[in-house]
C-alpha atoms as a PDB file:
ATOM      1  CA  GLU A   1      15.296  49.282 118.957  1.00  0.00           C
ATOM      2  CA  PHE A   2      12.131  47.781 117.504  1.00  0.00           C
ATOM      3  CA  LEU A   3      14.017  46.540 114.450  1.00  0.00           C
ATOM      4  CA  LEU A   4      16.737  44.940 116.537  1.00  0.00           C
ATOM      5  CA  ALA A   5      14.183  43.225 118.791  1.00  0.00           C
ATOM      6  CA  SER A   6      12.198  41.772 115.885  1.00  0.00           C
ATOM      7  CA  ALA A   7      12.916  38.667 113.839  1.00  0.00           C
ATOM      8  CA  LEU A   8      13.194  40.838 110.738  1.00  0.00           C
ATOM      9  CA  VAL A   9      16.942  41.506 110.995  1.00  0.00           C
ATOM     10  CA  PRO A  10      18.039  37.884 110.359  1.00  0.00           C
ATOM     11  CA  GLU A  11      15.638  37.657 107.401  1.00  0.00           C
ATOM     12  CA  ILE A  12      16.978  40.867 105.866  1.00  0.00           C
ATOM     13  CA  ALA A  13      20.545  39.695 106.458  1.00  0.00           C
ATOM     14  CA  ALA A  14      19.818  36.377 104.731  1.00  0.00           C
ATOM     15  CA  VAL A  15      18.363  38.108 101.670  1.00  0.00           C
ATOM     16  CA  LEU A  16      21.285  40.535 101.480  1.00  0.00           C
ATOM     17  CA  TRP A  17      23.795  37.694 101.847  1.00  0.00           C
ATOM     18  CA  ASP A  18      22.162  35.676  99.049  1.00  0.00           C
ATOM     19  CA  GLU A  19      22.154  38.696  96.734  1.00  0.00           C
ATOM     20  CA  ALA A  20      25.782  39.539  97.549  1.00  0.00           C
ATOM     21  CA  LYS A  21      26.825  35.958  96.735  1.00  0.00           C
ATOM     22  CA  ALA A  22      24.928  36.121  93.425  1.00  0.00           C
ATOM     23  CA  ILE A  23      26.690  39.362  92.477  1.00  0.00           C
ATOM     24  CA  ALA A  24      30.078  37.880  93.395  1.00  0.00           C
ATOM     25  CA  GLU A  25      29.407  34.835  91.191  1.00  0.00           C
ATOM     26  CA  GLU A  26      28.592  37.097  88.229  1.00  0.00           C
ATOM     27  CA  MET A  27      31.916  38.942  88.453  1.00  0.00           C
ATOM     28  CA  PRO A  28      34.053  38.623  85.325  1.00  0.00           C
ATOM     29  CA  ALA A  29      37.068  36.341  85.450  1.00  0.00           C
ATOM     30  CA  ASN A  30      39.509  38.988  84.238  1.00  0.00           C
ATOM     31  CA  THR A  31      39.858  42.633  83.280  1.00  0.00           C
ATOM     32  CA  ALA A  32      39.177  42.014  79.584  1.00  0.00           C
ATOM     33  CA  GLU A  33      35.779  40.506  80.410  1.00  0.00           C
ATOM     34  CA  LEU A  34      34.992  43.464  82.646  1.00  0.00           C
ATOM     35  CA  VAL A  35      35.844  45.929  79.868  1.00  0.00           C
ATOM     36  CA  ASP A  36      33.754  43.947  77.354  1.00  0.00           C
ATOM     37  CA  LYS A  37      30.768  44.180  79.698  1.00  0.00           C
ATOM     38  CA  PHE A  38      30.622  47.936  79.227  1.00  0.00           C
ATOM     39  CA  LYS A  39      31.424  48.136  75.513  1.00  0.00           C
ATOM     40  CA  GLN A  40      28.564  49.080  73.232  1.00  0.00           C
ATOM     41  CA  ASP A  41      28.176  48.450  69.537  1.00  0.00           C
ATOM     42  CA  GLY A  42      28.305  51.604  67.490  1.00  0.00           C
ATOM     43  CA  CYS A  43      29.630  53.699  70.329  1.00  0.00           C
ATOM     44  CA  PHE A  44      31.934  56.623  69.758  1.00  0.00           C
ATOM     45  CA  GLU A  45      35.440  57.295  70.931  1.00  0.00           C
ATOM     46  CA  MET A  46      36.146  60.366  73.024  1.00  0.00           C
ATOM     47  CA  SER A  47      38.842  62.787  71.913  1.00  0.00           C
ATOM     48  CA  TYR A  48      40.307  66.074  73.029  1.00  0.00           C
ATOM     49  CA  GLY A  49      39.058  69.257  71.432  1.00  0.00           C
ATOM     50  CA  SER A  50      41.108  72.211  70.350  1.00  0.00           C
ATOM     51  CA  ILE A  51      42.158  75.071  72.597  1.00  0.00           C
ATOM     52  CA  SER A  52      39.465  77.273  71.021  1.00  0.00           C
ATOM     53  CA  THR A  53      36.863  74.636  71.908  1.00  0.00           C
ATOM     54  CA  PHE A  54      38.114  74.660  75.494  1.00  0.00           C
ATOM     55  CA  PHE A  55      37.934  78.428  75.826  1.00  0.00           C
ATOM     56  CA  GLY A  56      34.585  78.534  74.002  1.00  0.00           C
ATOM     57  CA  GLY A  57      33.073  76.566  76.883  1.00  0.00           C
ATOM     58  CA  LEU A  58      29.557  75.157  76.811  1.00  0.00           C
ATOM     59  CA  GLU A  59      28.207  78.270  75.188  1.00  0.00           C
ATOM     60  CA  GLY A  60      30.480  77.644  72.218  1.00  0.00           C
ATOM     61  CA  LEU A  61      29.196  74.074  71.913  1.00  0.00           C
ATOM     62  CA  ILE A  62      25.472  74.370  72.622  1.00  0.00           C
ATOM     63  CA  GLY A  63      24.793  78.074  72.521  1.00  0.00           C
ATOM     64  CA  PRO A  64      23.849  80.596  75.179  1.00  0.00           C
ATOM     65  CA  PRO A  65      21.319  79.767  77.902  1.00  0.00           C
ATOM     66  CA  ASP A  66      17.711  80.797  77.405  1.00  0.00           C
ATOM     67  CA  PRO A  67      17.180  84.013  79.406  1.00  0.00           C
ATOM     68  CA  LYS A  68      13.550  83.006  80.068  1.00  0.00           C
ATOM     69  CA  MET A  69      14.562  80.337  82.553  1.00  0.00           C
ATOM     70  CA  LEU A  70      11.261  79.495  84.263  1.00  0.00           C
ATOM     71  CA  PRO A  71       9.234  78.852  81.069  1.00  0.00           C
ATOM     72  CA  ARG A  72      12.110  76.749  79.721  1.00  0.00           C
ATOM     73  CA  MET A  73      12.242  74.679  82.919  1.00  0.00           C
ATOM     74  CA  VAL A  74       8.477  74.084  82.728  1.00  0.00           C
ATOM     75  CA  TYR A  75       8.859  72.957  79.119  1.00  0.00           C
ATOM     76  CA  GLU A  76      11.777  70.645  79.887  1.00  0.00           C
ATOM     77  CA  HIS A  77      10.102  69.037  82.895  1.00  0.00           C
ATOM     78  CA  CYS A  78       6.465  68.994  81.778  1.00  0.00           C
ATOM     79  CA  ASN A  79       6.133  69.273  78.000  1.00  0.00           C
ATOM     80  CA  SER A  80       9.153  67.665  76.341  1.00  0.00           C
ATOM     81  CA  ASP A  81       8.864  64.262  74.661  1.00  0.00           C
ATOM     82  CA  ASP A  82      10.449  62.372  77.555  1.00  0.00           C
ATOM     83  CA  SER A  83       8.891  64.295  80.450  1.00  0.00           C
ATOM     84  CA  ARG A  84       6.373  61.530  81.196  1.00  0.00           C
ATOM     85  CA  GLN A  85       8.987  58.789  81.464  1.00  0.00           C
ATOM     86  CA  PRO A  86       9.657  57.682  85.038  1.00  0.00           C
ATOM     87  CA  ILE A  87      13.126  58.401  86.405  1.00  0.00           C
ATOM     88  CA  VAL A  88      14.677  55.259  87.764  1.00  0.00           C
END
């Protein structure tokens, strides 16, 4: 109720409208431009694995999970090289 009674709603709406128009103006003209937007140099191409890869699951690709789960979680979240980087 407070928000609706204040003059803030029209200001928020104006900002949102301006940003929506800016996004619409940046839209690619065609599908090819849209695809090019997400291409990366040096990227890889996905492919299907073999049936043995499928049945091997994640354990076949990256190995079994560490049975000492809590110490591993602490390491991953607190001590690994990227643990101090902010998540955005």
